[in-house]
């Protein structure tokens, strides 16, 4: 993924985006793709480990054992008008946040598959775990027979935040105002994300600069 320096996300930001936008496109080397919810376990490996499952009827899983795959996570994105910039001339663009995560696929046994399924439920609707009317033990066993669980031990994780951080403060403020006034809810979501990310980005760089200054004073 093309990532100019000002768009490269720190590891924790990339992991946060996966947590917030866990529906991924899982792509293999033959360009076959599946759309799946994935859950990140940050404590497993240097970059983390993704867990998910296929419907057994989906033939994609049969070709993936031991193969390296790419999971693409898409955060908020929206059109950016050149009218929002203070500087002229300017061109329209599209701002977005995305993460590419790669690693080797490993199939899970039934116990680990059930645990991964429960982790997914715990994230999105934890009350279902205790709802025996909807998810009885017998029904869970039936689901397990039709499911193929897997994990991906990540060996590469790249996040990109194309948010116009290379532009002037006036331009950035104009973009935030434009996104905030948009009738598109995704644009407004991008505006909120951009504001928070910009504050964290600025704080992080200030801390880095202060750290360098303290080292220079030694």
Protein backbone atom coordinates (compact mmCIF):
# COMPACT_ATOMS: atom_id res chain seq x y z
CA UNK A 1 0.00 0.00 0.00
CA UNK A 2 1.33 3.41 -1.00
CA UNK A 3 1.91 5.36 2.22
CA UNK A 4 3.56 8.79 2.17
CA UNK A 5 5.20 9.58 5.50
CA UNK A 6 2.38 11.78 6.84
CA UNK A 7 -0.20 9.02 6.21
CA UNK A 8 1.54 6.15 8.05
CA UNK A 9 -0.43 5.04 11.08
CA UNK A 10 1.32 3.92 14.27
CA UNK A 11 0.72 0.30 15.23
CA UNK A 12 -1.74 1.11 18.02
CA UNK A 13 -3.81 3.31 15.71
CA UNK A 14 -3.94 0.57 13.06
CA UNK A 15 -5.03 -1.96 15.68
CA UNK A 16 -7.66 0.46 16.98
CA UNK A 17 -9.09 0.77 13.49
CA UNK A 18 -9.37 -3.02 13.16
CA UNK A 19 -11.22 -3.10 16.48
CA UNK A 20 -13.61 -0.39 15.33
CA UNK A 21 -14.10 -1.61 11.74
CA UNK A 22 -13.72 -5.37 11.92
CA UNK A 23 -15.51 -6.32 8.69
CA UNK A 24 -12.70 -7.21 6.28
CA UNK A 25 -12.03 -8.30 2.73
CA UNK A 26 -9.87 -11.44 2.93
CA UNK A 27 -7.82 -11.83 -0.24
CA UNK A 28 -5.60 -14.75 -1.25
CA UNK A 29 -2.78 -14.93 -3.79
CA UNK A 30 -5.16 -16.04 -6.51
CA UNK A 31 -7.26 -12.90 -6.05
CA UNK A 32 -10.19 -14.81 -4.59
CA UNK A 33 -11.86 -12.76 -1.87
CA UNK A 34 -14.30 -13.28 0.98
CA UNK A 35 -16.01 -10.66 3.15
CA UNK A 36 -15.76 -11.64 6.81
CA UNK A 37 -15.87 -10.18 10.33
CA UNK A 38 -12.49 -10.64 12.01
CA UNK A 39 -11.43 -10.09 15.61
CA UNK A 40 -7.91 -9.01 16.57
CA UNK A 41 -6.11 -10.53 19.56
CA UNK A 42 -3.39 -7.95 20.24
CA UNK A 43 -1.51 -10.05 22.77
CA UNK A 44 -0.72 -12.88 20.35
CA UNK A 45 2.43 -12.04 18.43
CA UNK A 46 4.24 -8.77 17.84
CA UNK A 47 1.49 -7.41 15.57
CA UNK A 48 -1.44 -9.47 16.82
CA UNK A 49 -3.48 -12.39 15.52
CA UNK A 50 -6.79 -12.27 13.65
CA UNK A 51 -9.57 -14.77 14.31
CA UNK A 52 -12.52 -15.56 12.08
CA UNK A 53 -14.58 -18.29 10.50
CA UNK A 54 -15.96 -19.36 7.14
CA UNK A 55 -19.24 -21.06 6.37
CA UNK A 56 -18.15 -24.60 5.51
CA UNK A 57 -20.11 -24.28 2.25
CA UNK A 58 -17.77 -21.48 1.13
CA UNK A 59 -15.04 -23.22 -0.91
CA UNK A 60 -12.56 -20.40 -0.29
CA UNK A 61 -11.32 -21.88 3.00
CA UNK A 62 -10.18 -25.10 1.32
CA UNK A 63 -7.37 -23.31 -0.53
CA UNK A 64 -6.13 -21.19 2.37
CA UNK A 65 -4.54 -23.59 4.85
CA UNK A 66 -0.90 -22.53 5.23
CA UNK A 67 -1.29 -19.75 2.67
CA UNK A 68 -0.41 -16.08 3.14
CA UNK A 69 -3.42 -13.79 2.85
CA UNK A 70 -4.24 -10.10 3.00
CA UNK A 71 -7.07 -8.75 5.13
CA UNK A 72 -8.22 -5.22 4.21
CA UNK A 73 -10.08 -3.14 6.78
CA UNK A 74 -11.79 0.05 5.61
CA UNK A 75 -12.44 2.91 8.02
CA UNK A 76 -14.47 6.06 7.33
CA UNK A 77 -13.94 7.77 3.97
CA UNK A 78 -15.45 10.66 2.05
CA UNK A 79 -15.08 13.11 -0.82
CA UNK A 80 -13.17 16.32 -0.04
CA UNK A 81 -14.09 19.43 -2.02
CA UNK A 82 -11.37 21.91 -3.09
CA UNK A 83 -13.77 24.66 -1.97
CA UNK A 84 -13.02 23.68 1.62
CA UNK A 85 -9.35 24.71 1.32
CA UNK A 86 -8.02 28.17 2.08
CA UNK A 87 -5.23 27.72 -0.48
CA UNK A 88 -6.04 28.01 -4.21
CA UNK A 89 -5.82 26.49 -6.75
CA UNK A 90 -6.72 23.04 -5.37
CA UNK A 91 -8.10 19.75 -6.61
CA UNK A 92 -10.83 17.48 -5.24
CA UNK A 93 -9.67 14.36 -3.42
CA UNK A 94 -10.89 11.49 -1.29
CA UNK A 95 -9.79 11.12 2.33
CA UNK A 96 -9.87 7.73 4.00
CA UNK A 97 -8.47 5.41 6.61
CA UNK A 98 -7.49 1.82 5.82
CA UNK A 99 -5.44 -1.05 7.24
CA UNK A 100 -3.78 -3.93 5.38
CA UNK A 101 -2.96 -6.97 7.53
CA UNK A 102 -1.06 -10.01 6.23
CA UNK A 103 -0.10 -13.40 7.61
CA UNK A 104 -0.40 -17.17 7.32
CA UNK A 105 -3.78 -18.88 7.70
CA UNK A 106 -4.10 -21.69 10.25
CA UNK A 107 -7.26 -23.75 10.65
CA UNK A 108 -8.69 -24.11 14.15
CA UNK A 109 -10.03 -27.22 15.85
CA UNK A 110 -13.63 -27.30 17.07
CA UNK A 111 -12.83 -26.01 20.55
CA UNK A 112 -10.82 -23.05 19.25
CA UNK A 113 -13.45 -22.34 16.58
CA UNK A 114 -16.15 -22.18 19.25
CA UNK A 115 -13.98 -19.87 21.34
CA UNK A 116 -13.43 -17.59 18.33
CA UNK A 117 -17.17 -17.54 17.63
CA UNK A 118 -17.87 -16.62 21.26
CA UNK A 119 -15.27 -13.85 21.11
CA UNK A 120 -17.04 -12.40 18.07
CA UNK A 121 -20.39 -12.53 19.88
CA UNK A 122 -18.87 -10.99 23.00
CA UNK A 123 -17.72 -8.04 20.91
CA UNK A 124 -20.95 -7.30 19.05
CA UNK A 125 -23.79 -8.73 21.18
CA UNK A 126 -22.55 -10.22 24.46
CA UNK A 127 -26.06 -10.90 25.81
CA UNK A 128 -26.48 -13.61 23.17
CA UNK A 129 -23.89 -15.76 24.92
CA UNK A 130 -26.37 -16.38 27.74
CA UNK A 131 -29.52 -16.59 25.60
CA UNK A 132 -30.29 -20.31 25.47
CA UNK A 133 -33.51 -19.69 23.54
CA UNK A 134 -31.64 -18.30 20.54
CA UNK A 135 -28.31 -20.12 20.98
CA UNK A 136 -28.97 -23.41 22.73
CA UNK A 137 -26.15 -25.91 23.20
CA UNK A 138 -27.69 -28.18 20.55
CA UNK A 139 -27.92 -25.30 18.08
CA UNK A 140 -24.33 -24.31 18.81
CA UNK A 141 -23.21 -27.83 17.94
CA UNK A 142 -25.10 -27.62 14.65
CA UNK A 143 -23.49 -24.28 13.86
CA UNK A 144 -20.05 -25.69 14.60
CA UNK A 145 -20.51 -28.45 12.02
CA UNK A 146 -21.17 -25.85 9.36
CA UNK A 147 -18.26 -23.60 10.32
CA UNK A 148 -14.53 -23.57 9.63
CA UNK A 149 -12.55 -21.46 12.09
CA UNK A 150 -9.16 -19.97 11.35
CA UNK A 151 -6.55 -17.56 12.64
CA UNK A 152 -3.99 -15.38 10.92
CA UNK A 153 -0.75 -14.72 12.79
CA UNK A 154 0.14 -11.32 11.42
CA UNK A 155 3.59 -10.71 9.99
CA UNK A 156 2.79 -7.35 8.40
CA UNK A 157 0.38 -4.60 9.47
CA UNK A 158 0.17 -1.32 7.57
CA UNK A 159 -2.27 1.45 8.38
CA UNK A 160 -2.87 4.49 6.19
CA UNK A 161 -4.62 7.68 7.34
CA UNK A 162 -4.99 9.91 4.29
CA UNK A 163 -6.44 12.86 6.17
CA UNK A 164 -4.66 15.87 4.69
CA UNK A 165 -2.18 16.22 7.54
CA UNK A 166 0.34 17.59 5.04
CA UNK A 167 -1.83 20.65 4.46
CA UNK A 168 -1.91 23.94 6.37
CA UNK A 169 -3.93 24.35 9.56
CA UNK A 170 -6.34 26.60 7.65
CA UNK A 171 -6.91 23.92 5.03
CA UNK A 172 -7.35 21.24 7.68
CA UNK A 173 -9.88 23.40 9.52
CA UNK A 174 -11.80 23.95 6.28
CA UNK A 175 -11.96 20.21 5.63
CA UNK A 176 -13.23 19.53 9.15
CA UNK A 177 -15.93 22.17 8.71
CA UNK A 178 -16.93 20.76 5.32
CA UNK A 179 -17.10 17.18 6.57
CA UNK A 180 -19.03 18.23 9.67
CA UNK A 181 -21.66 20.06 7.57
CA UNK A 182 -22.08 17.21 5.07
CA UNK A 183 -25.46 15.42 4.81
CA UNK A 184 -23.50 12.17 4.37
CA UNK A 185 -23.19 10.38 7.75
CA UNK A 186 -19.97 8.69 6.62
CA UNK A 187 -18.44 12.09 5.87
CA UNK A 188 -19.39 13.31 9.33
CA UNK A 189 -17.90 10.14 10.80
CA UNK A 190 -14.68 10.83 8.90
CA UNK A 191 -14.70 14.37 10.27
CA UNK A 192 -14.90 13.12 13.85
CA UNK A 193 -12.20 10.55 13.23
CA UNK A 194 -9.96 13.14 11.54
CA UNK A 195 -10.24 15.56 14.44
CA UNK A 196 -9.34 12.90 17.01
CA UNK A 197 -6.54 11.46 14.93
CA UNK A 198 -5.06 14.91 14.22
CA UNK A 199 -4.99 15.71 17.93
CA UNK A 200 -3.26 12.42 18.72
CA UNK A 201 -0.86 12.89 15.77
CA UNK A 202 0.10 16.38 16.97
CA UNK A 203 0.51 15.24 20.58
CA UNK A 204 2.64 12.28 19.53
CA UNK A 205 4.98 14.47 17.48
CA UNK A 206 5.28 17.02 20.28
CA UNK A 207 6.24 14.24 22.67
CA UNK A 208 8.80 12.95 20.18
CA UNK A 209 10.28 16.42 19.78
CA UNK A 210 10.47 16.93 23.56
CA UNK A 211 12.16 13.55 23.90
CA UNK A 212 14.77 14.49 21.31
CA UNK A 213 15.39 17.82 23.03
CA UNK A 214 15.93 16.15 26.39
CA UNK A 215 18.42 13.75 24.82
CA UNK A 216 20.26 16.64 23.19
CA UNK A 217 20.61 18.34 26.61
CA UNK A 218 22.44 15.40 28.13
